[in-house]
C-alpha atoms as a PDB file:
ATOM      1  CA  MET A   1     198.877  99.836 120.277  1.00  0.00           C
ATOM      2  CA  ARG A   2     198.866  98.516 116.751  1.00  0.00           C
ATOM      3  CA  TRP A   3     198.035 101.777 114.948  1.00  0.00           C
ATOM      4  CA  LEU A   4     200.806 103.595 116.812  1.00  0.00           C
ATOM      5  CA  ARG A   5     203.327 100.900 115.898  1.00  0.00           C
ATOM      6  CA  GLN A   6     202.279 101.137 112.252  1.00  0.00           C
ATOM      7  CA  LEU A   7     202.703 104.916 112.353  1.00  0.00           C
ATOM      8  CA  LEU A   8     206.180 104.649 113.854  1.00  0.00           C
ATOM      9  CA  GLU A   9     207.251 102.133 111.238  1.00  0.00           C
ATOM     10  CA  ARG A  10     206.325 104.346 108.285  1.00  0.00           C
ATOM     11  CA  GLN A  11     209.062 106.071 106.295  1.00  0.00           C
ATOM     12  CA  PRO A  12     208.027 109.730 107.039  1.00  0.00           C
ATOM     13  CA  TRP A  13     208.415 109.094 110.763  1.00  0.00           C
ATOM     14  CA  ARG A  14     211.635 107.111 110.395  1.00  0.00           C
ATOM     15  CA  SER A  15     213.156 109.810 108.197  1.00  0.00           C
ATOM     16  CA  GLY A  16     212.750 112.345 110.996  1.00  0.00           C
ATOM     17  CA  PHE A  17     213.436 110.066 113.974  1.00  0.00           C
ATOM     18  CA  ARG A  18     216.083 107.562 112.975  1.00  0.00           C
ATOM     19  CA  ARG A  19     217.166 104.747 115.290  1.00  0.00           C
ATOM     20  CA  LEU A  20     214.594 105.893 117.850  1.00  0.00           C
ATOM     21  CA  TRP A  21     213.665 102.552 119.404  1.00  0.00           C
ATOM     22  CA  PRO A  22     216.858 100.481 119.737  1.00  0.00           C
ATOM     23  CA  LYS A  23     217.104  98.024 122.601  1.00  0.00           C
ATOM     24  CA  ASP A  24     220.713  98.392 123.687  1.00  0.00           C
ATOM     25  CA  TYR A  25     221.955 101.399 125.651  1.00  0.00           C
ATOM     26  CA  ARG A  26     224.719 102.401 123.224  1.00  0.00           C
ATOM     27  CA  SER A  27     222.311 102.591 120.280  1.00  0.00           C
ATOM     28  CA  ARG A  28     219.825 104.544 122.356  1.00  0.00           C
ATOM     29  CA  ALA A  29     222.494 107.085 123.268  1.00  0.00           C
ATOM     30  CA  ARG A  30     223.489 107.373 119.599  1.00  0.00           C
ATOM     31  CA  ALA A  31     219.827 107.947 118.666  1.00  0.00           C
ATOM     32  CA  MET A  32     219.491 110.702 121.258  1.00  0.00           C
ATOM     33  CA  LEU A  33     222.633 112.479 120.108  1.00  0.00           C
ATOM     34  CA  SER A  34     221.705 112.328 116.411  1.00  0.00           C
ATOM     35  CA  ASN A  35     218.221 113.844 116.822  1.00  0.00           C
ATOM     36  CA  PHE A  36     217.718 117.621 116.980  1.00  0.00           C
ATOM     37  CA  VAL A  37     214.856 117.488 119.507  1.00  0.00           C
ATOM     38  CA  LEU A  38     215.934 114.554 121.633  1.00  0.00           C
ATOM     39  CA  HIS A  39     219.542 115.679 122.047  1.00  0.00           C
ATOM     40  CA  LEU A  40     218.279 118.475 124.318  1.00  0.00           C
ATOM     41  CA  HIS A  41     217.468 115.827 126.929  1.00  0.00           C
ATOM     42  CA  PRO A  42     219.955 113.799 128.937  1.00  0.00           C
ATOM     43  CA  VAL A  43     220.821 110.397 127.538  1.00  0.00           C
ATOM     44  CA  ALA A  44     219.837 108.701 130.817  1.00  0.00           C
ATOM     45  CA  ILE A  45     217.028 109.857 133.114  1.00  0.00           C
ATOM     46  CA  ARG A  46     216.124 108.447 136.511  1.00  0.00           C
ATOM     47  CA  GLN A  47     212.688 106.856 136.404  1.00  0.00           C
ATOM     48  CA  HIS A  48     211.404 108.754 139.442  1.00  0.00           C
ATOM     49  CA  ALA A  49     212.352 112.058 137.768  1.00  0.00           C
ATOM     50  CA  LEU A  50     209.649 111.522 135.140  1.00  0.00           C
ATOM     51  CA  ARG A  51     206.819 111.275 137.633  1.00  0.00           C
ATOM     52  CA  LEU A  52     204.442 114.199 137.725  1.00  0.00           C
ATOM     53  CA  ARG A  53     204.273 114.234 141.526  1.00  0.00           C
ATOM     54  CA  TYR A  54     208.066 114.686 141.574  1.00  0.00           C
ATOM     55  CA  THR A  55     208.580 117.331 138.864  1.00  0.00           C
ATOM     56  CA  TRP A  56     205.146 119.077 139.069  1.00  0.00           C
ATOM     57  CA  CYS A  57     205.855 119.805 135.358  1.00  0.00           C
ATOM     58  CA  MET A  58     206.604 123.397 136.395  1.00  0.00           C
ATOM     59  CA  GLY A  59     209.693 123.822 134.209  1.00  0.00           C
ATOM     60  CA  GLY A  60     207.864 122.763 131.062  1.00  0.00           C
ATOM     61  CA  LEU A  61     204.875 124.933 131.944  1.00  0.00           C
ATOM     62  CA  ALA A  62     207.140 127.947 132.467  1.00  0.00           C
ATOM     63  CA  ALA A  63     208.726 127.440 129.028  1.00  0.00           C
ATOM     64  CA  PHE A  64     205.261 127.025 127.468  1.00  0.00           C
ATOM     65  CA  LEU A  65     203.963 130.218 129.101  1.00  0.00           C
ATOM     66  CA  PHE A  66     207.024 132.119 127.865  1.00  0.00           C
ATOM     67  CA  LEU A  67     206.190 130.932 124.352  1.00  0.00           C
ATOM     68  CA  VAL A  68     202.569 132.066 124.805  1.00  0.00           C
ATOM     69  CA  GLU A  69     203.782 135.443 126.027  1.00  0.00           C
ATOM     70  CA  THR A  70     206.092 135.818 123.035  1.00  0.00           C
ATOM     71  CA  ILE A  71     203.467 134.972 120.418  1.00  0.00           C
ATOM     72  CA  SER A  72     200.672 137.039 121.974  1.00  0.00           C
ATOM     73  CA  GLY A  73     203.068 139.931 122.621  1.00  0.00           C
ATOM     74  CA  VAL A  74     204.170 140.056 118.991  1.00  0.00           C
ATOM     75  CA  LEU A  75     200.516 140.192 117.889  1.00  0.00           C
ATOM     76  CA  LEU A  76     199.787 143.011 120.347  1.00  0.00           C
ATOM     77  CA  MET A  77     202.725 145.024 119.006  1.00  0.00           C
ATOM     78  CA  PHE A  78     200.825 145.462 115.714  1.00  0.00           C
ATOM     79  CA  TYR A  79     198.177 147.566 117.497  1.00  0.00           C
ATOM     80  CA  TYR A  80     199.841 149.136 120.539  1.00  0.00           C
ATOM     81  CA  ARG A  81     201.656 152.489 120.298  1.00  0.00           C
ATOM     82  CA  PRO A  82     204.017 153.376 123.197  1.00  0.00           C
ATOM     83  CA  THR A  83     203.134 157.074 123.500  1.00  0.00           C
ATOM     84  CA  PRO A  84     201.304 158.821 126.362  1.00  0.00           C
ATOM     85  CA  GLU A  85     198.690 160.116 123.908  1.00  0.00           C
ATOM     86  CA  ALA A  86     197.850 156.732 122.343  1.00  0.00           C
ATOM     87  CA  ALA A  87     198.750 154.000 124.838  1.00  0.00           C
ATOM     88  CA  TYR A  88     195.608 154.059 126.992  1.00  0.00           C
ATOM     89  CA  ARG A  89     193.287 154.380 123.976  1.00  0.00           C
ATOM     90  CA  ASP A  90     195.019 151.470 122.238  1.00  0.00           C
ATOM     91  CA  VAL A  91     194.557 149.268 125.307  1.00  0.00           C
ATOM     92  CA  LEU A  92     190.857 150.155 125.417  1.00  0.00           C
ATOM     93  CA  ASP A  93     190.517 149.366 121.707  1.00  0.00           C
ATOM     94  CA  LEU A  94     192.254 146.025 122.222  1.00  0.00           C
ATOM     95  CA  THR A  95     189.836 145.242 125.047  1.00  0.00           C
ATOM     96  CA  GLU A  96     186.574 146.362 123.434  1.00  0.00           C
ATOM     97  CA  LEU A  97     186.858 146.806 119.645  1.00  0.00           C
ATOM     98  CA  ILE A  98     189.630 144.784 117.981  1.00  0.00           C
ATOM     99  CA  ALA A  99     188.740 141.179 117.160  1.00  0.00           C
ATOM    100  CA  LEU A 100     192.110 139.840 118.276  1.00  0.00           C
ATOM    101  CA  GLY A 101     191.968 141.841 121.500  1.00  0.00           C
ATOM    102  CA  VAL A 102     191.494 138.586 123.381  1.00  0.00           C
ATOM    103  CA  PHE A 103     195.254 138.138 123.056  1.00  0.00           C
ATOM    104  CA  ARG A 104     195.667 141.080 125.415  1.00  0.00           C
ATOM    105  CA  GLU A 105     193.837 139.170 128.158  1.00  0.00           C
ATOM    106  CA  LEU A 106     195.712 136.003 127.240  1.00  0.00           C
ATOM    107  CA  HIS A 107     198.999 137.906 127.485  1.00  0.00           C
ATOM    108  CA  ARG A 108     198.070 139.413 130.848  1.00  0.00           C
ATOM    109  CA  TRP A 109     196.887 136.207 132.504  1.00  0.00           C
ATOM    110  CA  ALA A 110     199.738 134.151 131.070  1.00  0.00           C
ATOM    111  CA  GLY A 111     202.144 136.709 132.551  1.00  0.00           C
ATOM    112  CA  HIS A 112     200.580 136.331 136.002  1.00  0.00           C
ATOM    113  CA  ALA A 113     200.645 132.543 135.652  1.00  0.00           C
ATOM    114  CA  MET A 114     204.287 132.578 134.577  1.00  0.00           C
ATOM    115  CA  VAL A 115     205.331 134.388 137.764  1.00  0.00           C
ATOM    116  CA  VAL A 116     203.524 131.792 139.905  1.00  0.00           C
ATOM    117  CA  VAL A 117     204.798 128.816 137.885  1.00  0.00           C
ATOM    118  CA  VAL A 118     208.450 129.944 137.957  1.00  0.00           C
ATOM    119  CA  MET A 119     208.248 130.407 141.735  1.00  0.00           C
ATOM    120  CA  LEU A 120     206.713 126.936 142.137  1.00  0.00           C
ATOM    121  CA  HIS A 121     209.438 125.514 139.897  1.00  0.00           C
ATOM    122  CA  MET A 122     212.117 127.037 142.126  1.00  0.00           C
ATOM    123  CA  LEU A 123     210.321 125.648 145.194  1.00  0.00           C
ATOM    124  CA  ARG A 124     210.181 122.156 143.689  1.00  0.00           C
ATOM    125  CA  VAL A 125     213.879 122.236 142.803  1.00  0.00           C
ATOM    126  CA  PHE A 126     214.705 123.316 146.357  1.00  0.00           C
ATOM    127  CA  LEU A 127     212.493 120.711 148.060  1.00  0.00           C
ATOM    128  CA  THR A 128     213.876 117.842 145.957  1.00  0.00           C
ATOM    129  CA  GLY A 129     217.493 118.938 146.356  1.00  0.00           C
ATOM    130  CA  SER A 130     217.964 119.277 142.610  1.00  0.00           C
ATOM    131  CA  TYR A 131     220.135 122.367 143.153  1.00  0.00           C
ATOM    132  CA  LYS A 132     222.965 120.347 144.693  1.00  0.00           C
ATOM    133  CA  PRO A 133     226.212 119.479 142.840  1.00  0.00           C
ATOM    134  CA  PRO A 134     226.678 119.214 139.954  1.00  0.00           C
ATOM    135  CA  ARG A 135     223.621 121.418 139.338  1.00  0.00           C
ATOM    136  CA  GLU A 136     224.498 124.387 141.562  1.00  0.00           C
ATOM    137  CA  PHE A 137     225.317 126.646 138.596  1.00  0.00           C
ATOM    138  CA  ASN A 138     221.998 125.778 136.964  1.00  0.00           C
ATOM    139  CA  TRP A 139     220.331 126.936 140.173  1.00  0.00           C
ATOM    140  CA  VAL A 140     222.076 130.302 139.721  1.00  0.00           C
ATOM    141  CA  LEU A 141     220.739 130.474 136.156  1.00  0.00           C
ATOM    142  CA  GLY A 142     217.285 129.696 137.521  1.00  0.00           C
ATOM    143  CA  VAL A 143     217.538 132.547 139.999  1.00  0.00           C
ATOM    144  CA  GLY A 144     218.494 134.853 137.130  1.00  0.00           C
ATOM    145  CA  LEU A 145     215.431 133.680 135.178  1.00  0.00           C
ATOM    146  CA  LEU A 146     213.267 134.342 138.230  1.00  0.00           C
ATOM    147  CA  VAL A 147     214.576 137.916 138.414  1.00  0.00           C
ATOM    148  CA  LEU A 148     213.961 138.401 134.685  1.00  0.00           C
ATOM    149  CA  THR A 149     210.411 137.089 135.125  1.00  0.00           C
ATOM    150  CA  PHE A 150     209.775 139.704 137.814  1.00  0.00           C
ATOM    151  CA  LEU A 151     211.269 142.430 135.610  1.00  0.00           C
ATOM    152  CA  LEU A 152     209.134 141.376 132.648  1.00  0.00           C
ATOM    153  CA  SER A 153     206.044 141.608 134.832  1.00  0.00           C
ATOM    154  CA  PHE A 154     207.116 144.990 136.236  1.00  0.00           C
ATOM    155  CA  THR A 155     207.934 146.579 132.875  1.00  0.00           C
ATOM    156  CA  GLY A 156     204.680 145.345 131.356  1.00  0.00           C
ATOM    157  CA  TYR A 157     202.732 146.887 134.222  1.00  0.00           C
ATOM    158  CA  LEU A 158     203.214 150.425 132.905  1.00  0.00           C
ATOM    159  CA  LEU A 159     202.148 149.798 129.313  1.00  0.00           C
ATOM    160  CA  PRO A 160     198.350 150.274 129.816  1.00  0.00           C
ATOM    161  CA  TRP A 161     199.229 153.820 130.977  1.00  0.00           C
ATOM    162  CA  ASP A 162     196.360 154.110 133.470  1.00  0.00           C
ATOM    163  CA  GLN A 163     196.381 155.471 137.011  1.00  0.00           C
ATOM    164  CA  LEU A 164     197.085 152.087 138.575  1.00  0.00           C
ATOM    165  CA  ALA A 165     200.091 151.496 136.302  1.00  0.00           C
ATOM    166  CA  PHE A 166     201.392 155.061 136.655  1.00  0.00           C
ATOM    167  CA  TRP A 167     201.471 155.106 140.446  1.00  0.00           C
ATOM    168  CA  ALA A 168     202.638 151.510 140.785  1.00  0.00           C
ATOM    169  CA  VAL A 169     205.698 152.276 138.665  1.00  0.00           C
ATOM    170  CA  THR A 170     206.217 155.519 140.569  1.00  0.00           C
ATOM    171  CA  VAL A 171     206.350 153.628 143.871  1.00  0.00           C
ATOM    172  CA  GLY A 172     208.569 150.899 142.397  1.00  0.00           C
ATOM    173  CA  SER A 173     211.035 153.391 140.947  1.00  0.00           C
ATOM    174  CA  ASP A 174     211.171 155.272 144.256  1.00  0.00           C
ATOM    175  CA  MET A 175     212.162 151.997 145.904  1.00  0.00           C
ATOM    176  CA  ALA A 176     214.941 151.621 143.309  1.00  0.00           C
ATOM    177  CA  ALA A 177     216.211 155.085 144.282  1.00  0.00           C
ATOM    178  CA  HIS A 178     216.998 153.721 147.759  1.00  0.00           C
ATOM    179  CA  ALA A 179     218.746 150.591 146.516  1.00  0.00           C
ATOM    180  CA  PRO A 180     222.164 149.918 148.070  1.00  0.00           C
ATOM    181  CA  VAL A 181     225.257 151.044 146.144  1.00  0.00           C
ATOM    182  CA  VAL A 182     223.439 151.940 142.881  1.00  0.00           C
ATOM    183  CA  GLY A 183     220.649 154.058 144.418  1.00  0.00           C
ATOM    184  CA  ALA A 184     220.396 157.836 144.243  1.00  0.00           C
ATOM    185  CA  GLU A 185     222.273 158.185 147.530  1.00  0.00           C
ATOM    186  CA  GLY A 186     224.759 155.382 146.863  1.00  0.00           C
ATOM    187  CA  PRO A 187     228.492 155.637 146.190  1.00  0.00           C
ATOM    188  CA  VAL A 188     228.130 154.901 142.471  1.00  0.00           C
ATOM    189  CA  SER A 189     225.823 157.888 142.021  1.00  0.00           C
ATOM    190  CA  ALA A 190     228.132 160.089 144.111  1.00  0.00           C
ATOM    191  CA  VAL A 191     231.237 159.138 142.128  1.00  0.00           C
ATOM    192  CA  SER A 192     229.486 159.655 138.789  1.00  0.00           C
ATOM    193  CA  GLY A 193     228.008 162.972 139.846  1.00  0.00           C
ATOM    194  CA  GLY A 194     224.476 161.569 139.690  1.00  0.00           C
ATOM    195  CA  ALA A 195     224.886 160.307 136.131  1.00  0.00           C
ATOM    196  CA  ILE A 196     224.487 156.652 137.193  1.00  0.00           C
ATOM    197  CA  ASP A 197     221.350 156.236 139.259  1.00  0.00           C
ATOM    198  CA  LEU A 198     219.207 153.113 139.143  1.00  0.00           C
ATOM    199  CA  ARG A 199     215.982 155.090 139.314  1.00  0.00           C
ATOM    200  CA  PHE A 200     216.995 157.396 136.464  1.00  0.00           C
ATOM    201  CA  LEU A 201     218.156 154.419 134.395  1.00  0.00           C
ATOM    202  CA  LEU A 202     214.709 152.861 134.867  1.00  0.00           C
ATOM    203  CA  LEU A 203     212.667 155.989 134.139  1.00  0.00           C
ATOM    204  CA  GLY A 204     214.847 157.765 131.597  1.00  0.00           C
ATOM    205  CA  ALA A 205     213.694 161.040 133.178  1.00  0.00           C
ATOM    206  CA  PRO A 206     213.340 162.606 136.657  1.00  0.00           C
ATOM    207  CA  GLN A 207     209.669 161.515 136.781  1.00  0.00           C
ATOM    208  CA  VAL A 208     207.454 158.892 135.149  1.00  0.00           C
ATOM    209  CA  GLY A 209     206.546 160.169 131.689  1.00  0.00           C
ATOM    210  CA  GLY A 210     206.744 159.489 127.986  1.00  0.00           C
ATOM    211  CA  GLU A 211     210.423 158.586 128.182  1.00  0.00           C
ATOM    212  CA  THR A 212     209.634 155.986 130.844  1.00  0.00           C
ATOM    213  CA  LEU A 213     206.846 154.469 128.768  1.00  0.00           C
ATOM    214  CA  LEU A 214     209.119 154.103 125.739  1.00  0.00           C
ATOM    215  CA  ARG A 215     211.962 152.720 127.843  1.00  0.00           C
ATOM    216  CA  PHE A 216     209.725 150.160 129.560  1.00  0.00           C
ATOM    217  CA  TYR A 217     208.225 149.182 126.195  1.00  0.00           C
ATOM    218  CA  VAL A 218     211.655 148.486 124.685  1.00  0.00           C
ATOM    219  CA  TRP A 219     212.801 146.549 127.744  1.00  0.00           C
ATOM    220  CA  HIS A 220     209.548 144.575 127.898  1.00  0.00           C
ATOM    221  CA  CYS A 221     209.370 143.712 124.192  1.00  0.00           C
ATOM    222  CA  VAL A 222     213.032 143.374 123.202  1.00  0.00           C
ATOM    223  CA  GLY A 223     215.686 143.578 125.898  1.00  0.00           C
ATOM    224  CA  LEU A 224     214.321 141.355 128.660  1.00  0.00           C
ATOM    225  CA  PRO A 225     212.824 138.657 126.360  1.00  0.00           C
ATOM    226  CA  LEU A 226     216.161 138.284 124.552  1.00  0.00           C
ATOM    227  CA  ALA A 227     217.981 137.995 127.875  1.00  0.00           C
ATOM    228  CA  ALA A 228     215.417 135.481 129.146  1.00  0.00           C
ATOM    229  CA  ALA A 229     215.652 133.413 125.939  1.00  0.00           C
ATOM    230  CA  ALA A 230     219.449 133.332 126.204  1.00  0.00           C
ATOM    231  CA  LEU A 231     219.348 132.246 129.857  1.00  0.00           C
ATOM    232  CA  MET A 232     216.672 129.651 129.098  1.00  0.00           C
ATOM    233  CA  ALA A 233     218.832 128.150 126.352  1.00  0.00           C
ATOM    234  CA  TRP A 234     221.793 128.072 128.753  1.00  0.00           C
ATOM    235  CA  HIS A 235     219.543 126.598 131.457  1.00  0.00           C
ATOM    236  CA  PHE A 236     218.306 123.814 129.157  1.00  0.00           C
ATOM    237  CA  TRP A 237     221.837 123.072 128.028  1.00  0.00           C
ATOM    238  CA  ARG A 238     222.959 122.696 131.636  1.00  0.00           C
ATOM    239  CA  VAL A 239     220.042 120.315 132.237  1.00  0.00           C
ATOM    240  CA  ARG A 240     221.310 118.335 129.239  1.00  0.00           C
ATOM    241  CA  LYS A 241     224.848 118.197 130.646  1.00  0.00           C
ATOM    242  CA  ASP A 242     224.169 117.852 134.385  1.00  0.00           C
ATOM    243  CA  GLY A 243     221.145 115.554 134.357  1.00  0.00           C
ATOM    244  CA  PHE A 244     217.398 115.983 134.384  1.00  0.00           C
ATOM    245  CA  SER A 245     216.792 116.126 138.114  1.00  0.00           C
ATOM    246  CA  GLY A 246     218.371 115.332 141.428  1.00  0.00           C
ATOM    247  CA  PRO A 247     218.170 112.085 143.410  1.00  0.00           C
ATOM    248  CA  LEU A 248     215.441 111.292 145.892  1.00  0.00           C
END
């Protein structure tokens, strides 16, 4: 396309993307390594790995949804107060009164979609054998990101502070109390005299209450997103080093 070629030949584009269209392989590799955006991708990619029916584009969609969750979550933090007295009222105000309350629905539905997309991404990687050497460690990082996605969804479930959220977290924390080794009846709790109990670490109190709401809010807004961002960066770096996708 002529207009696209003219755009690519202009100085503003060339100043940001130097040596982007060389013909020989060595120059192409040098162009990839010298560009901030392109160096995140492998220098060589198998042609079949770019097809939508092969990748399903699930990895990119998961990263995009995480970005949507981050931006909408930061905006919601300006209005939401993590206290038992104000949490439910703030959620109602975000739903019915505040002009930017639509971001609450966007945040909620993007969170549901992210869980589904990450699971489909793991399924695609498994079906195509992309977890095999030398990518087995990247598969482990992907499993860790899947667990963090579940934890992000679980910690965000309590924040509306309604009956559904309250009893769902109560049931989930009771399940954590029966977890092997680190549960309330496990050896770790017995050795520590009950000081280290997975259920108590989740709730911050014997029962679901204000301490739990604050603890879930901090985990949901700060702790887990930072951990997920760190693992995502590591995951992308391993894709850069190990290759984009596995063979057919």
